[in-house]
Amino acid sequence: MRRLAQELDTGAASLYVYVANTAELHAAILEDLLGTVDLKLAKAEGDWQDRLIALLDSYTTVLFQNPALARSALIARPSGPNYLALVEAILALLHEGGMPNGQAALALDVLLQVATATAAEQSARDENESAAEEELSALVETLHSVDASSYPRIAAVGDDLFSGTPEERLGWAFHAIINGALATPRVSEH
């Protein structure tokens, strides 16, 4: 808040008239950025799941383009019209696919969590790209050199542990969540 106040050539206390704390400020910034998510994808032609994944990709891209905000999006809770339009579009697509409302509510939560966490993880890696590359190389080397008698499943899976682009892997995760939510009834509360 002090940094923003300094940038605006004012005192931090004057900002608290508009936002209660940094989390609320991040939520307001996120709300504004959500206006750049391509909601037209939800109403485009084609398979509802493909359109839903394209919409989620657009959301994730917005977070990728704003790495500092990606981490705060894990806890920031926007509640403005841009956020509501995104939630409505996702729920409409899940409804179009025949997902019951209770399952759709939970699927929405998990889909947005995965998209947000993926962007936050990537932003952390981008901050120290060389260290992230070294860690990944070391992990790949370790997994390739495992003793198959001690770790037979790792050896059997092999290169599949690292196959596909990040976009392909995220798309697969979205499909797995959507298909899993379609097939998993909501547990009733007692």
Protein backbone atom coordinates (compact mmCIF):
# COMPACT_ATOMS: atom_id res chain seq x y z
CA MET A 1 0.00 0.00 0.00
CA ARG A 2 2.88 2.36 0.79
CA ARG A 3 4.46 1.63 -2.59
CA LEU A 4 1.21 2.37 -4.41
CA ALA A 5 0.67 5.54 -2.39
CA GLN A 6 4.18 6.68 -3.26
CA GLU A 7 3.52 5.95 -6.94
CA LEU A 8 0.33 8.01 -6.75
CA ASP A 9 2.09 10.77 -4.81
CA THR A 10 -0.20 10.49 -1.82
CA GLY A 11 -0.20 8.97 1.66
CA ALA A 12 -1.00 5.32 2.33
CA ALA A 13 -3.77 6.35 4.72
CA SER A 14 -5.63 8.05 1.87
CA LEU A 15 -5.80 4.73 -0.01
CA TYR A 16 -7.66 3.07 2.83
CA VAL A 17 -10.67 5.20 1.95
CA TYR A 18 -10.96 3.05 -1.19
CA VAL A 19 -9.67 -0.36 -0.09
CA ALA A 20 -9.41 -1.93 3.37
CA ASN A 21 -6.13 -3.77 2.80
CA THR A 22 -3.72 -5.18 0.24
CA ALA A 23 -5.88 -8.26 -0.38
CA GLU A 24 -8.82 -6.02 -1.28
CA LEU A 25 -6.55 -3.98 -3.57
CA HIS A 26 -5.38 -7.17 -5.31
CA ALA A 27 -8.99 -8.31 -5.69
CA ALA A 28 -9.87 -4.98 -7.30
CA ILE A 29 -6.94 -5.22 -9.72
CA LEU A 30 -7.84 -8.83 -10.53
CA GLU A 31 -11.45 -7.81 -11.11
CA ASP A 32 -10.28 -5.22 -13.63
CA LEU A 33 -8.00 -7.71 -15.42
CA LEU A 34 -10.79 -10.28 -15.61
CA GLY A 35 -12.42 -7.90 -18.07
CA THR A 36 -9.81 -9.06 -20.59
CA VAL A 37 -10.84 -12.74 -20.40
CA ASP A 38 -12.40 -13.66 -23.75
CA LEU A 39 -15.96 -14.52 -22.71
CA LYS A 40 -17.03 -14.79 -26.38
CA LEU A 41 -15.39 -18.23 -26.32
CA ALA A 42 -18.29 -19.49 -24.19
CA LYS A 43 -20.82 -18.70 -26.92
CA ALA A 44 -18.70 -19.75 -29.91
CA GLU A 45 -19.54 -22.75 -32.07
CA GLY A 46 -18.29 -26.17 -31.10
CA ASP A 47 -18.15 -28.69 -28.31
CA TRP A 48 -19.02 -27.27 -24.90
CA GLN A 49 -15.95 -28.83 -23.24
CA ASP A 50 -13.61 -27.38 -25.86
CA ARG A 51 -15.19 -23.96 -25.39
CA LEU A 52 -14.93 -24.27 -21.60
CA ILE A 53 -11.25 -25.19 -21.81
CA ALA A 54 -10.63 -22.29 -24.21
CA LEU A 55 -12.31 -19.96 -21.72
CA LEU A 56 -10.21 -21.35 -18.85
CA ASP A 57 -7.10 -20.96 -21.02
CA SER A 58 -8.02 -17.30 -21.57
CA TYR A 59 -8.35 -16.82 -17.80
CA THR A 60 -5.02 -18.57 -17.19
CA THR A 61 -3.35 -16.43 -19.87
CA VAL A 62 -4.52 -13.26 -18.13
CA LEU A 63 -2.83 -14.50 -14.96
CA PHE A 64 0.32 -15.57 -16.86
CA GLN A 65 0.57 -12.04 -18.24
CA ASN A 66 0.39 -10.62 -14.71
CA PRO A 67 2.69 -12.89 -12.68
CA ALA A 68 2.64 -10.93 -9.44
CA LEU A 69 -1.12 -11.00 -9.47
CA ALA A 70 -1.28 -14.74 -10.20
CA ARG A 71 -0.07 -15.59 -6.69
CA SER A 72 -2.42 -13.15 -5.02
CA ALA A 73 -5.30 -14.55 -7.09
CA LEU A 74 -5.07 -17.70 -4.98
CA ILE A 75 -6.55 -15.75 -2.08
CA ALA A 76 -8.03 -12.61 -3.66
CA ARG A 77 -11.78 -12.78 -4.02
CA PRO A 78 -13.07 -10.39 -6.67
CA SER A 79 -16.82 -9.92 -6.67
CA GLY A 80 -17.44 -7.43 -9.45
CA PRO A 81 -19.16 -7.81 -12.80
CA ASN A 82 -16.10 -9.22 -14.62
CA TYR A 83 -15.69 -12.02 -12.08
CA LEU A 84 -19.42 -12.71 -12.08
CA ALA A 85 -19.45 -12.85 -15.91
CA LEU A 86 -16.60 -15.40 -15.85
CA VAL A 87 -18.36 -17.54 -13.25
CA GLU A 88 -21.65 -17.31 -15.18
CA ALA A 89 -19.97 -18.34 -18.44
CA ILE A 90 -18.28 -21.35 -16.81
CA LEU A 91 -21.49 -22.45 -15.09
CA ALA A 92 -23.48 -22.01 -18.34
CA LEU A 93 -21.06 -24.28 -20.18
CA LEU A 94 -21.18 -26.89 -17.42
CA HIS A 95 -24.98 -26.71 -17.54
CA GLU A 96 -24.89 -27.09 -21.33
CA GLY A 97 -22.87 -30.27 -20.79
CA GLY A 98 -25.58 -31.66 -18.51
CA MET A 99 -23.76 -31.22 -15.21
CA PRO A 100 -26.11 -30.91 -12.22
CA ASN A 101 -25.90 -27.61 -10.35
CA GLY A 102 -24.32 -29.02 -7.19
CA GLN A 103 -21.57 -30.74 -9.14
CA ALA A 104 -21.10 -27.66 -11.34
CA ALA A 105 -20.57 -25.48 -8.26
CA LEU A 106 -17.78 -27.74 -7.03
CA ALA A 107 -16.29 -28.16 -10.52
CA LEU A 108 -16.19 -24.37 -10.93
CA ASP A 109 -14.17 -24.08 -7.74
CA VAL A 110 -11.67 -26.76 -8.73
CA LEU A 111 -11.29 -25.54 -12.33
CA LEU A 112 -10.52 -21.99 -11.21
CA GLN A 113 -8.16 -23.29 -8.50
CA VAL A 114 -6.19 -25.37 -11.00
CA ALA A 115 -5.97 -22.50 -13.49
CA THR A 116 -4.94 -20.03 -10.79
CA ALA A 117 -2.45 -22.37 -9.11
CA THR A 118 -0.88 -23.19 -12.47
CA ALA A 119 -0.38 -19.50 -13.23
CA ALA A 120 0.96 -18.83 -9.71
CA GLU A 121 3.40 -21.74 -9.96
CA GLN A 122 4.61 -20.52 -13.34
CA SER A 123 5.06 -16.97 -12.05
CA ALA A 124 7.24 -18.31 -9.23
CA ARG A 125 9.33 -20.26 -11.74
CA ASP A 126 9.64 -17.22 -14.00
CA GLU A 127 11.12 -15.20 -11.12
CA ASN A 128 14.12 -17.50 -11.04
CA GLU A 129 14.09 -19.18 -14.42
CA SER A 130 17.63 -20.56 -14.30
CA ALA A 131 17.10 -22.20 -10.89
CA ALA A 132 13.79 -23.68 -12.08
CA GLU A 133 15.48 -25.12 -15.20
CA GLU A 134 18.27 -26.63 -13.09
CA GLU A 135 15.76 -28.16 -10.66
CA LEU A 136 13.72 -29.63 -13.51
CA SER A 137 16.84 -31.05 -15.20
CA ALA A 138 17.94 -32.63 -11.92
CA LEU A 139 14.47 -34.10 -11.38
CA VAL A 140 14.34 -35.53 -14.92
CA GLU A 141 17.80 -37.04 -14.48
CA THR A 142 16.84 -38.55 -11.12
CA LEU A 143 13.64 -40.07 -12.47
CA HIS A 144 15.38 -41.45 -15.56
CA SER A 145 18.05 -43.12 -13.47
CA VAL A 146 15.81 -44.83 -10.89
CA ASP A 147 16.38 -48.46 -10.09
CA ALA A 148 13.46 -50.28 -11.77
CA SER A 149 13.46 -52.98 -9.09
CA SER A 150 12.98 -50.38 -6.34
CA TYR A 151 10.69 -48.01 -8.28
CA PRO A 152 8.95 -50.15 -10.92
CA ARG A 153 6.05 -47.76 -11.54
CA ILE A 154 8.34 -44.75 -12.09
CA ALA A 155 10.45 -46.81 -14.48
CA ALA A 156 7.35 -48.05 -16.32
CA VAL A 157 5.90 -44.58 -16.77
CA GLY A 158 9.27 -43.18 -17.82
CA ASP A 159 9.20 -40.28 -20.26
CA ASP A 160 5.43 -39.89 -19.91
CA LEU A 161 6.17 -38.14 -16.62
CA PHE A 162 7.42 -35.19 -18.70
CA SER A 163 5.56 -35.57 -21.97
CA GLY A 164 3.42 -32.88 -23.50
CA THR A 165 3.63 -29.14 -23.44
CA PRO A 166 2.47 -27.24 -20.37
CA GLU A 167 -0.63 -26.22 -22.36
CA GLU A 168 -1.40 -29.85 -23.25
CA ARG A 169 -0.94 -30.94 -19.65
CA LEU A 170 -3.20 -28.15 -18.35
CA GLY A 171 -5.82 -28.99 -21.00
CA TRP A 172 -5.70 -32.62 -19.90
CA ALA A 173 -6.16 -31.57 -16.27
CA PHE A 174 -9.21 -29.49 -17.22
CA HIS A 175 -10.71 -32.43 -19.14
CA ALA A 176 -10.03 -34.77 -16.20
CA ILE A 177 -11.74 -32.40 -13.77
CA ILE A 178 -14.75 -31.85 -16.04
CA ASN A 179 -15.21 -35.55 -16.80
CA GLY A 180 -14.65 -36.46 -13.19
CA ALA A 181 -17.20 -33.90 -12.03
CA LEU A 182 -19.73 -35.20 -14.56
CA ALA A 183 -19.31 -38.72 -13.20
CA THR A 184 -19.10 -37.89 -9.50
CA PRO A 185 -22.32 -37.06 -7.67
CA ARG A 186 -22.08 -34.47 -4.96
CA VAL A 187 -21.83 -36.04 -1.53
CA SER A 188 -24.86 -35.09 0.52
CA GLU A 189 -24.21 -33.30 3.77
CA HIS A 190 -25.42 -34.85 7.00
